[in-house]
């Protein structure tokens, strides 16, 4: 009877360990950059841009443009990243915002992915600048948007933190 009880206890213990690893251990096939917003700094400070409701940089490394309607003459010109007043990278885009992909079912929510740009600036495996806990905060993103109707360019400033999630296993420890 005691051996039977120990076998059942061992099976239950193995099942619990497997469930723990399934829930708390993940494998990332490639490294990626994530962005955290400094919300207190990123309250819309830019002047009113026609047909543009808001611009946000999402955790997944995408710039989200929310439009009032889908008839826009706004062009995403370029993006620059600064850290401690030093230019880290610049990309020229020149794409009409209305021609970007929809973020969700809404036709008025468009996005531009920054992942390739971040890979170019920081490297595929974070080898160029080596993000760590000492230099993850206060990266300045300058987003330049041009209104082709009035031929005026707008500059939007966003302050963000950038983190690198390495390729490989990651353990999530839940707080109890």
C-alpha atoms as a PDB file:
ATOM      1  CA  UNK A   1       0.000   0.000   0.000  1.00  0.00           C
ATOM      2  CA  UNK A   2       2.819   2.377   0.873  1.00  0.00           C
ATOM      3  CA  UNK A   3       4.647   1.700  -2.437  1.00  0.00           C
ATOM      4  CA  UNK A   4       1.420   2.361  -4.312  1.00  0.00           C
ATOM      5  CA  UNK A   5       0.975   5.691  -2.484  1.00  0.00           C
ATOM      6  CA  UNK A   6       4.595   6.724  -3.253  1.00  0.00           C
ATOM      7  CA  UNK A   7       4.137   5.906  -6.949  1.00  0.00           C
ATOM      8  CA  UNK A   8       0.985   8.035  -7.137  1.00  0.00           C
ATOM      9  CA  UNK A   9       2.729  10.860  -5.280  1.00  0.00           C
ATOM     10  CA  UNK A  10       5.700  10.635  -7.663  1.00  0.00           C
ATOM     11  CA  UNK A  11       3.412  10.737 -10.719  1.00  0.00           C
ATOM     12  CA  UNK A  12       1.572  13.772  -9.334  1.00  0.00           C
ATOM     13  CA  UNK A  13       4.889  15.491  -8.595  1.00  0.00           C
ATOM     14  CA  UNK A  14       6.158  14.847 -12.135  1.00  0.00           C
ATOM     15  CA  UNK A  15       2.899  16.177 -13.598  1.00  0.00           C
ATOM     16  CA  UNK A  16       3.164  19.341 -11.463  1.00  0.00           C
ATOM     17  CA  UNK A  17       6.770  19.894 -12.569  1.00  0.00           C
ATOM     18  CA  UNK A  18       5.795  19.479 -16.219  1.00  0.00           C
ATOM     19  CA  UNK A  19       2.892  21.918 -15.790  1.00  0.00           C
ATOM     20  CA  UNK A  20       5.221  24.417 -14.078  1.00  0.00           C
ATOM     21  CA  UNK A  21       7.701  24.275 -16.954  1.00  0.00           C
ATOM     22  CA  UNK A  22       4.949  24.501 -19.524  1.00  0.00           C
ATOM     23  CA  UNK A  23       3.499  27.598 -17.826  1.00  0.00           C
ATOM     24  CA  UNK A  24       6.684  29.329 -16.678  1.00  0.00           C
ATOM     25  CA  UNK A  25       9.406  28.434 -19.183  1.00  0.00           C
ATOM     26  CA  UNK A  26       9.275  29.758 -22.724  1.00  0.00           C
ATOM     27  CA  UNK A  27      11.668  29.481 -25.631  1.00  0.00           C
ATOM     28  CA  UNK A  28      12.307  32.487 -27.851  1.00  0.00           C
ATOM     29  CA  UNK A  29      13.531  31.498 -31.334  1.00  0.00           C
ATOM     30  CA  UNK A  30      15.195  34.857 -31.978  1.00  0.00           C
ATOM     31  CA  UNK A  31      16.115  37.937 -29.980  1.00  0.00           C
ATOM     32  CA  UNK A  32      13.806  40.924 -30.103  1.00  0.00           C
ATOM     33  CA  UNK A  33      13.586  44.456 -28.812  1.00  0.00           C
ATOM     34  CA  UNK A  34      10.716  45.676 -26.660  1.00  0.00           C
ATOM     35  CA  UNK A  35       9.794  49.249 -25.861  1.00  0.00           C
ATOM     36  CA  UNK A  36       8.284  50.649 -22.673  1.00  0.00           C
ATOM     37  CA  UNK A  37       6.699  54.063 -22.755  1.00  0.00           C
ATOM     38  CA  UNK A  38       7.481  56.867 -20.334  1.00  0.00           C
ATOM     39  CA  UNK A  39       3.834  57.931 -20.191  1.00  0.00           C
ATOM     40  CA  UNK A  40       4.407  61.017 -18.065  1.00  0.00           C
ATOM     41  CA  UNK A  41       6.694  62.417 -20.786  1.00  0.00           C
ATOM     42  CA  UNK A  42       4.725  61.199 -23.779  1.00  0.00           C
ATOM     43  CA  UNK A  43       1.497  63.083 -23.275  1.00  0.00           C
ATOM     44  CA  UNK A  44       0.752  64.561 -26.672  1.00  0.00           C
ATOM     45  CA  UNK A  45       3.081  67.544 -26.782  1.00  0.00           C
ATOM     46  CA  UNK A  46       3.041  67.968 -30.540  1.00  0.00           C
ATOM     47  CA  UNK A  47       0.885  70.532 -32.251  1.00  0.00           C
ATOM     48  CA  UNK A  48      -2.357  69.495 -33.851  1.00  0.00           C
ATOM     49  CA  UNK A  49      -1.634  67.554 -37.010  1.00  0.00           C
ATOM     50  CA  UNK A  50      -4.555  67.403 -39.451  1.00  0.00           C
ATOM     51  CA  UNK A  51      -6.332  64.029 -39.469  1.00  0.00           C
ATOM     52  CA  UNK A  52      -3.952  62.514 -36.889  1.00  0.00           C
ATOM     53  CA  UNK A  53      -5.518  61.682 -33.540  1.00  0.00           C
ATOM     54  CA  UNK A  54      -2.470  60.182 -31.810  1.00  0.00           C
ATOM     55  CA  UNK A  55       0.908  58.539 -32.276  1.00  0.00           C
ATOM     56  CA  UNK A  56       2.084  55.850 -29.855  1.00  0.00           C
ATOM     57  CA  UNK A  57       5.055  53.515 -29.742  1.00  0.00           C
ATOM     58  CA  UNK A  58       3.863  50.088 -28.634  1.00  0.00           C
ATOM     59  CA  UNK A  59       5.622  47.441 -26.518  1.00  0.00           C
ATOM     60  CA  UNK A  60       6.021  45.205 -29.565  1.00  0.00           C
ATOM     61  CA  UNK A  61       8.167  47.804 -31.328  1.00  0.00           C
ATOM     62  CA  UNK A  62       5.509  49.290 -33.591  1.00  0.00           C
ATOM     63  CA  UNK A  63       4.482  52.891 -34.101  1.00  0.00           C
ATOM     64  CA  UNK A  64       0.698  53.156 -33.991  1.00  0.00           C
ATOM     65  CA  UNK A  65      -0.954  56.009 -35.897  1.00  0.00           C
ATOM     66  CA  UNK A  66      -4.619  56.635 -35.075  1.00  0.00           C
ATOM     67  CA  UNK A  67      -6.347  58.692 -37.749  1.00  0.00           C
ATOM     68  CA  UNK A  68      -9.654  60.528 -37.677  1.00  0.00           C
ATOM     69  CA  UNK A  69     -10.572  59.141 -41.098  1.00  0.00           C
ATOM     70  CA  UNK A  70      -8.895  57.149 -43.845  1.00  0.00           C
ATOM     71  CA  UNK A  71      -8.407  60.040 -46.277  1.00  0.00           C
ATOM     72  CA  UNK A  72      -5.060  61.441 -45.305  1.00  0.00           C
ATOM     73  CA  UNK A  73      -2.227  63.236 -46.975  1.00  0.00           C
ATOM     74  CA  UNK A  74       0.265  62.477 -44.221  1.00  0.00           C
ATOM     75  CA  UNK A  75       3.629  60.956 -45.057  1.00  0.00           C
ATOM     76  CA  UNK A  76       5.857  59.229 -42.510  1.00  0.00           C
ATOM     77  CA  UNK A  77       9.171  60.800 -43.533  1.00  0.00           C
ATOM     78  CA  UNK A  78      11.826  59.545 -41.137  1.00  0.00           C
ATOM     79  CA  UNK A  79      12.556  58.319 -37.625  1.00  0.00           C
ATOM     80  CA  UNK A  80      15.570  59.136 -35.473  1.00  0.00           C
ATOM     81  CA  UNK A  81      16.750  57.617 -32.170  1.00  0.00           C
ATOM     82  CA  UNK A  82      18.877  59.588 -29.724  1.00  0.00           C
ATOM     83  CA  UNK A  83      20.433  58.543 -26.434  1.00  0.00           C
ATOM     84  CA  UNK A  84      22.119  61.167 -24.239  1.00  0.00           C
ATOM     85  CA  UNK A  85      22.002  63.706 -27.093  1.00  0.00           C
ATOM     86  CA  UNK A  86      23.846  61.314 -29.426  1.00  0.00           C
ATOM     87  CA  UNK A  87      22.243  60.190 -32.673  1.00  0.00           C
ATOM     88  CA  UNK A  88      22.158  56.389 -32.702  1.00  0.00           C
ATOM     89  CA  UNK A  89      20.250  55.859 -35.919  1.00  0.00           C
ATOM     90  CA  UNK A  90      18.100  57.408 -38.593  1.00  0.00           C
ATOM     91  CA  UNK A  91      15.878  55.801 -41.185  1.00  0.00           C
ATOM     92  CA  UNK A  92      14.219  57.517 -44.134  1.00  0.00           C
ATOM     93  CA  UNK A  93      10.814  56.011 -44.864  1.00  0.00           C
ATOM     94  CA  UNK A  94       8.655  58.318 -47.047  1.00  0.00           C
ATOM     95  CA  UNK A  95       5.467  56.211 -46.918  1.00  0.00           C
ATOM     96  CA  UNK A  96       1.920  57.550 -46.853  1.00  0.00           C
ATOM     97  CA  UNK A  97       0.461  56.687 -43.442  1.00  0.00           C
ATOM     98  CA  UNK A  98      -2.837  55.557 -44.993  1.00  0.00           C
ATOM     99  CA  UNK A  99      -0.954  52.892 -46.970  1.00  0.00           C
ATOM    100  CA  UNK A 100       0.496  51.294 -43.830  1.00  0.00           C
ATOM    101  CA  UNK A 101      -0.967  48.065 -42.463  1.00  0.00           C
ATOM    102  CA  UNK A 102      -3.988  48.150 -40.151  1.00  0.00           C
ATOM    103  CA  UNK A 103      -3.173  47.421 -36.526  1.00  0.00           C
ATOM    104  CA  UNK A 104      -6.553  45.861 -35.827  1.00  0.00           C
ATOM    105  CA  UNK A 105      -9.959  45.745 -37.497  1.00  0.00           C
ATOM    106  CA  UNK A 106     -10.145  49.531 -37.477  1.00  0.00           C
ATOM    107  CA  UNK A 107      -9.305  51.176 -40.785  1.00  0.00           C
ATOM    108  CA  UNK A 108      -8.137  54.251 -38.875  1.00  0.00           C
ATOM    109  CA  UNK A 109      -5.396  52.537 -36.869  1.00  0.00           C
ATOM    110  CA  UNK A 110      -2.186  52.050 -38.865  1.00  0.00           C
ATOM    111  CA  UNK A 111       1.226  50.811 -37.763  1.00  0.00           C
ATOM    112  CA  UNK A 112       4.849  50.865 -38.819  1.00  0.00           C
ATOM    113  CA  UNK A 113       7.174  48.204 -37.380  1.00  0.00           C
ATOM    114  CA  UNK A 114      10.438  49.421 -35.852  1.00  0.00           C
ATOM    115  CA  UNK A 115      11.991  45.956 -35.402  1.00  0.00           C
ATOM    116  CA  UNK A 116      14.200  46.100 -38.524  1.00  0.00           C
ATOM    117  CA  UNK A 117      15.314  49.622 -37.635  1.00  0.00           C
ATOM    118  CA  UNK A 118      16.126  48.563 -34.056  1.00  0.00           C
ATOM    119  CA  UNK A 119      18.058  45.552 -35.375  1.00  0.00           C
ATOM    120  CA  UNK A 120      20.037  47.896 -37.607  1.00  0.00           C
ATOM    121  CA  UNK A 121      20.817  50.318 -34.746  1.00  0.00           C
ATOM    122  CA  UNK A 122      21.479  47.855 -31.895  1.00  0.00           C
ATOM    123  CA  UNK A 123      22.401  44.678 -33.796  1.00  0.00           C
ATOM    124  CA  UNK A 124      20.735  41.282 -34.169  1.00  0.00           C
ATOM    125  CA  UNK A 125      21.944  40.028 -30.808  1.00  0.00           C
ATOM    126  CA  UNK A 126      22.342  43.396 -29.064  1.00  0.00           C
ATOM    127  CA  UNK A 127      26.040  43.495 -29.974  1.00  0.00           C
ATOM    128  CA  UNK A 128      26.404  47.109 -31.158  1.00  0.00           C
ATOM    129  CA  UNK A 129      25.330  49.122 -28.105  1.00  0.00           C
ATOM    130  CA  UNK A 130      24.743  46.284 -25.622  1.00  0.00           C
ATOM    131  CA  UNK A 131      21.580  47.266 -23.807  1.00  0.00           C
ATOM    132  CA  UNK A 132      21.672  46.332 -20.146  1.00  0.00           C
ATOM    133  CA  UNK A 133      20.039  47.616 -16.961  1.00  0.00           C
ATOM    134  CA  UNK A 134      22.233  50.749 -16.979  1.00  0.00           C
ATOM    135  CA  UNK A 135      21.273  52.128 -20.392  1.00  0.00           C
ATOM    136  CA  UNK A 136      17.706  51.063 -21.142  1.00  0.00           C
ATOM    137  CA  UNK A 137      15.923  54.311 -20.310  1.00  0.00           C
ATOM    138  CA  UNK A 138      15.179  57.602 -22.000  1.00  0.00           C
ATOM    139  CA  UNK A 139      15.765  56.977 -25.655  1.00  0.00           C
ATOM    140  CA  UNK A 140      14.374  59.860 -27.670  1.00  0.00           C
ATOM    141  CA  UNK A 141      12.411  58.903 -30.765  1.00  0.00           C
ATOM    142  CA  UNK A 142      11.806  61.723 -33.226  1.00  0.00           C
ATOM    143  CA  UNK A 143       9.099  60.910 -35.757  1.00  0.00           C
ATOM    144  CA  UNK A 144       8.834  63.252 -38.732  1.00  0.00           C
ATOM    145  CA  UNK A 145       5.480  63.491 -40.504  1.00  0.00           C
ATOM    146  CA  UNK A 146       4.790  65.663 -43.520  1.00  0.00           C
ATOM    147  CA  UNK A 147       1.368  66.974 -44.527  1.00  0.00           C
ATOM    148  CA  UNK A 148       1.449  67.061 -48.326  1.00  0.00           C
ATOM    149  CA  UNK A 149      -1.628  69.319 -48.547  1.00  0.00           C
ATOM    150  CA  UNK A 150       0.042  72.269 -46.853  1.00  0.00           C
ATOM    151  CA  UNK A 151       3.652  71.111 -47.366  1.00  0.00           C
ATOM    152  CA  UNK A 152       4.426  71.321 -43.646  1.00  0.00           C
ATOM    153  CA  UNK A 153       6.580  68.908 -41.646  1.00  0.00           C
ATOM    154  CA  UNK A 154       5.820  67.991 -38.025  1.00  0.00           C
ATOM    155  CA  UNK A 155       8.254  66.566 -35.482  1.00  0.00           C
ATOM    156  CA  UNK A 156       6.886  64.268 -32.766  1.00  0.00           C
ATOM    157  CA  UNK A 157       9.068  63.467 -29.753  1.00  0.00           C
ATOM    158  CA  UNK A 158       8.623  60.271 -27.760  1.00  0.00           C
ATOM    159  CA  UNK A 159      10.726  59.193 -24.777  1.00  0.00           C
ATOM    160  CA  UNK A 160      10.940  55.420 -24.409  1.00  0.00           C
ATOM    161  CA  UNK A 161      12.897  52.642 -22.702  1.00  0.00           C
ATOM    162  CA  UNK A 162      14.280  49.884 -24.909  1.00  0.00           C
ATOM    163  CA  UNK A 163      14.963  46.348 -23.700  1.00  0.00           C
ATOM    164  CA  UNK A 164      16.485  43.369 -25.488  1.00  0.00           C
ATOM    165  CA  UNK A 165      14.995  39.924 -24.949  1.00  0.00           C
ATOM    166  CA  UNK A 166      17.652  37.308 -25.753  1.00  0.00           C
ATOM    167  CA  UNK A 167      17.177  34.237 -27.890  1.00  0.00           C
ATOM    168  CA  UNK A 168      16.735  31.095 -25.822  1.00  0.00           C
ATOM    169  CA  UNK A 169      14.922  29.963 -22.715  1.00  0.00           C
ATOM    170  CA  UNK A 170      13.236  32.434 -20.409  1.00  0.00           C
ATOM    171  CA  UNK A 171      11.774  31.649 -17.004  1.00  0.00           C
ATOM    172  CA  UNK A 172       8.749  33.541 -15.755  1.00  0.00           C
ATOM    173  CA  UNK A 173       8.389  33.416 -11.985  1.00  0.00           C
ATOM    174  CA  UNK A 174       4.861  34.365 -10.911  1.00  0.00           C
ATOM    175  CA  UNK A 175       4.412  36.535  -7.834  1.00  0.00           C
ATOM    176  CA  UNK A 176       2.253  34.936  -5.207  1.00  0.00           C
END
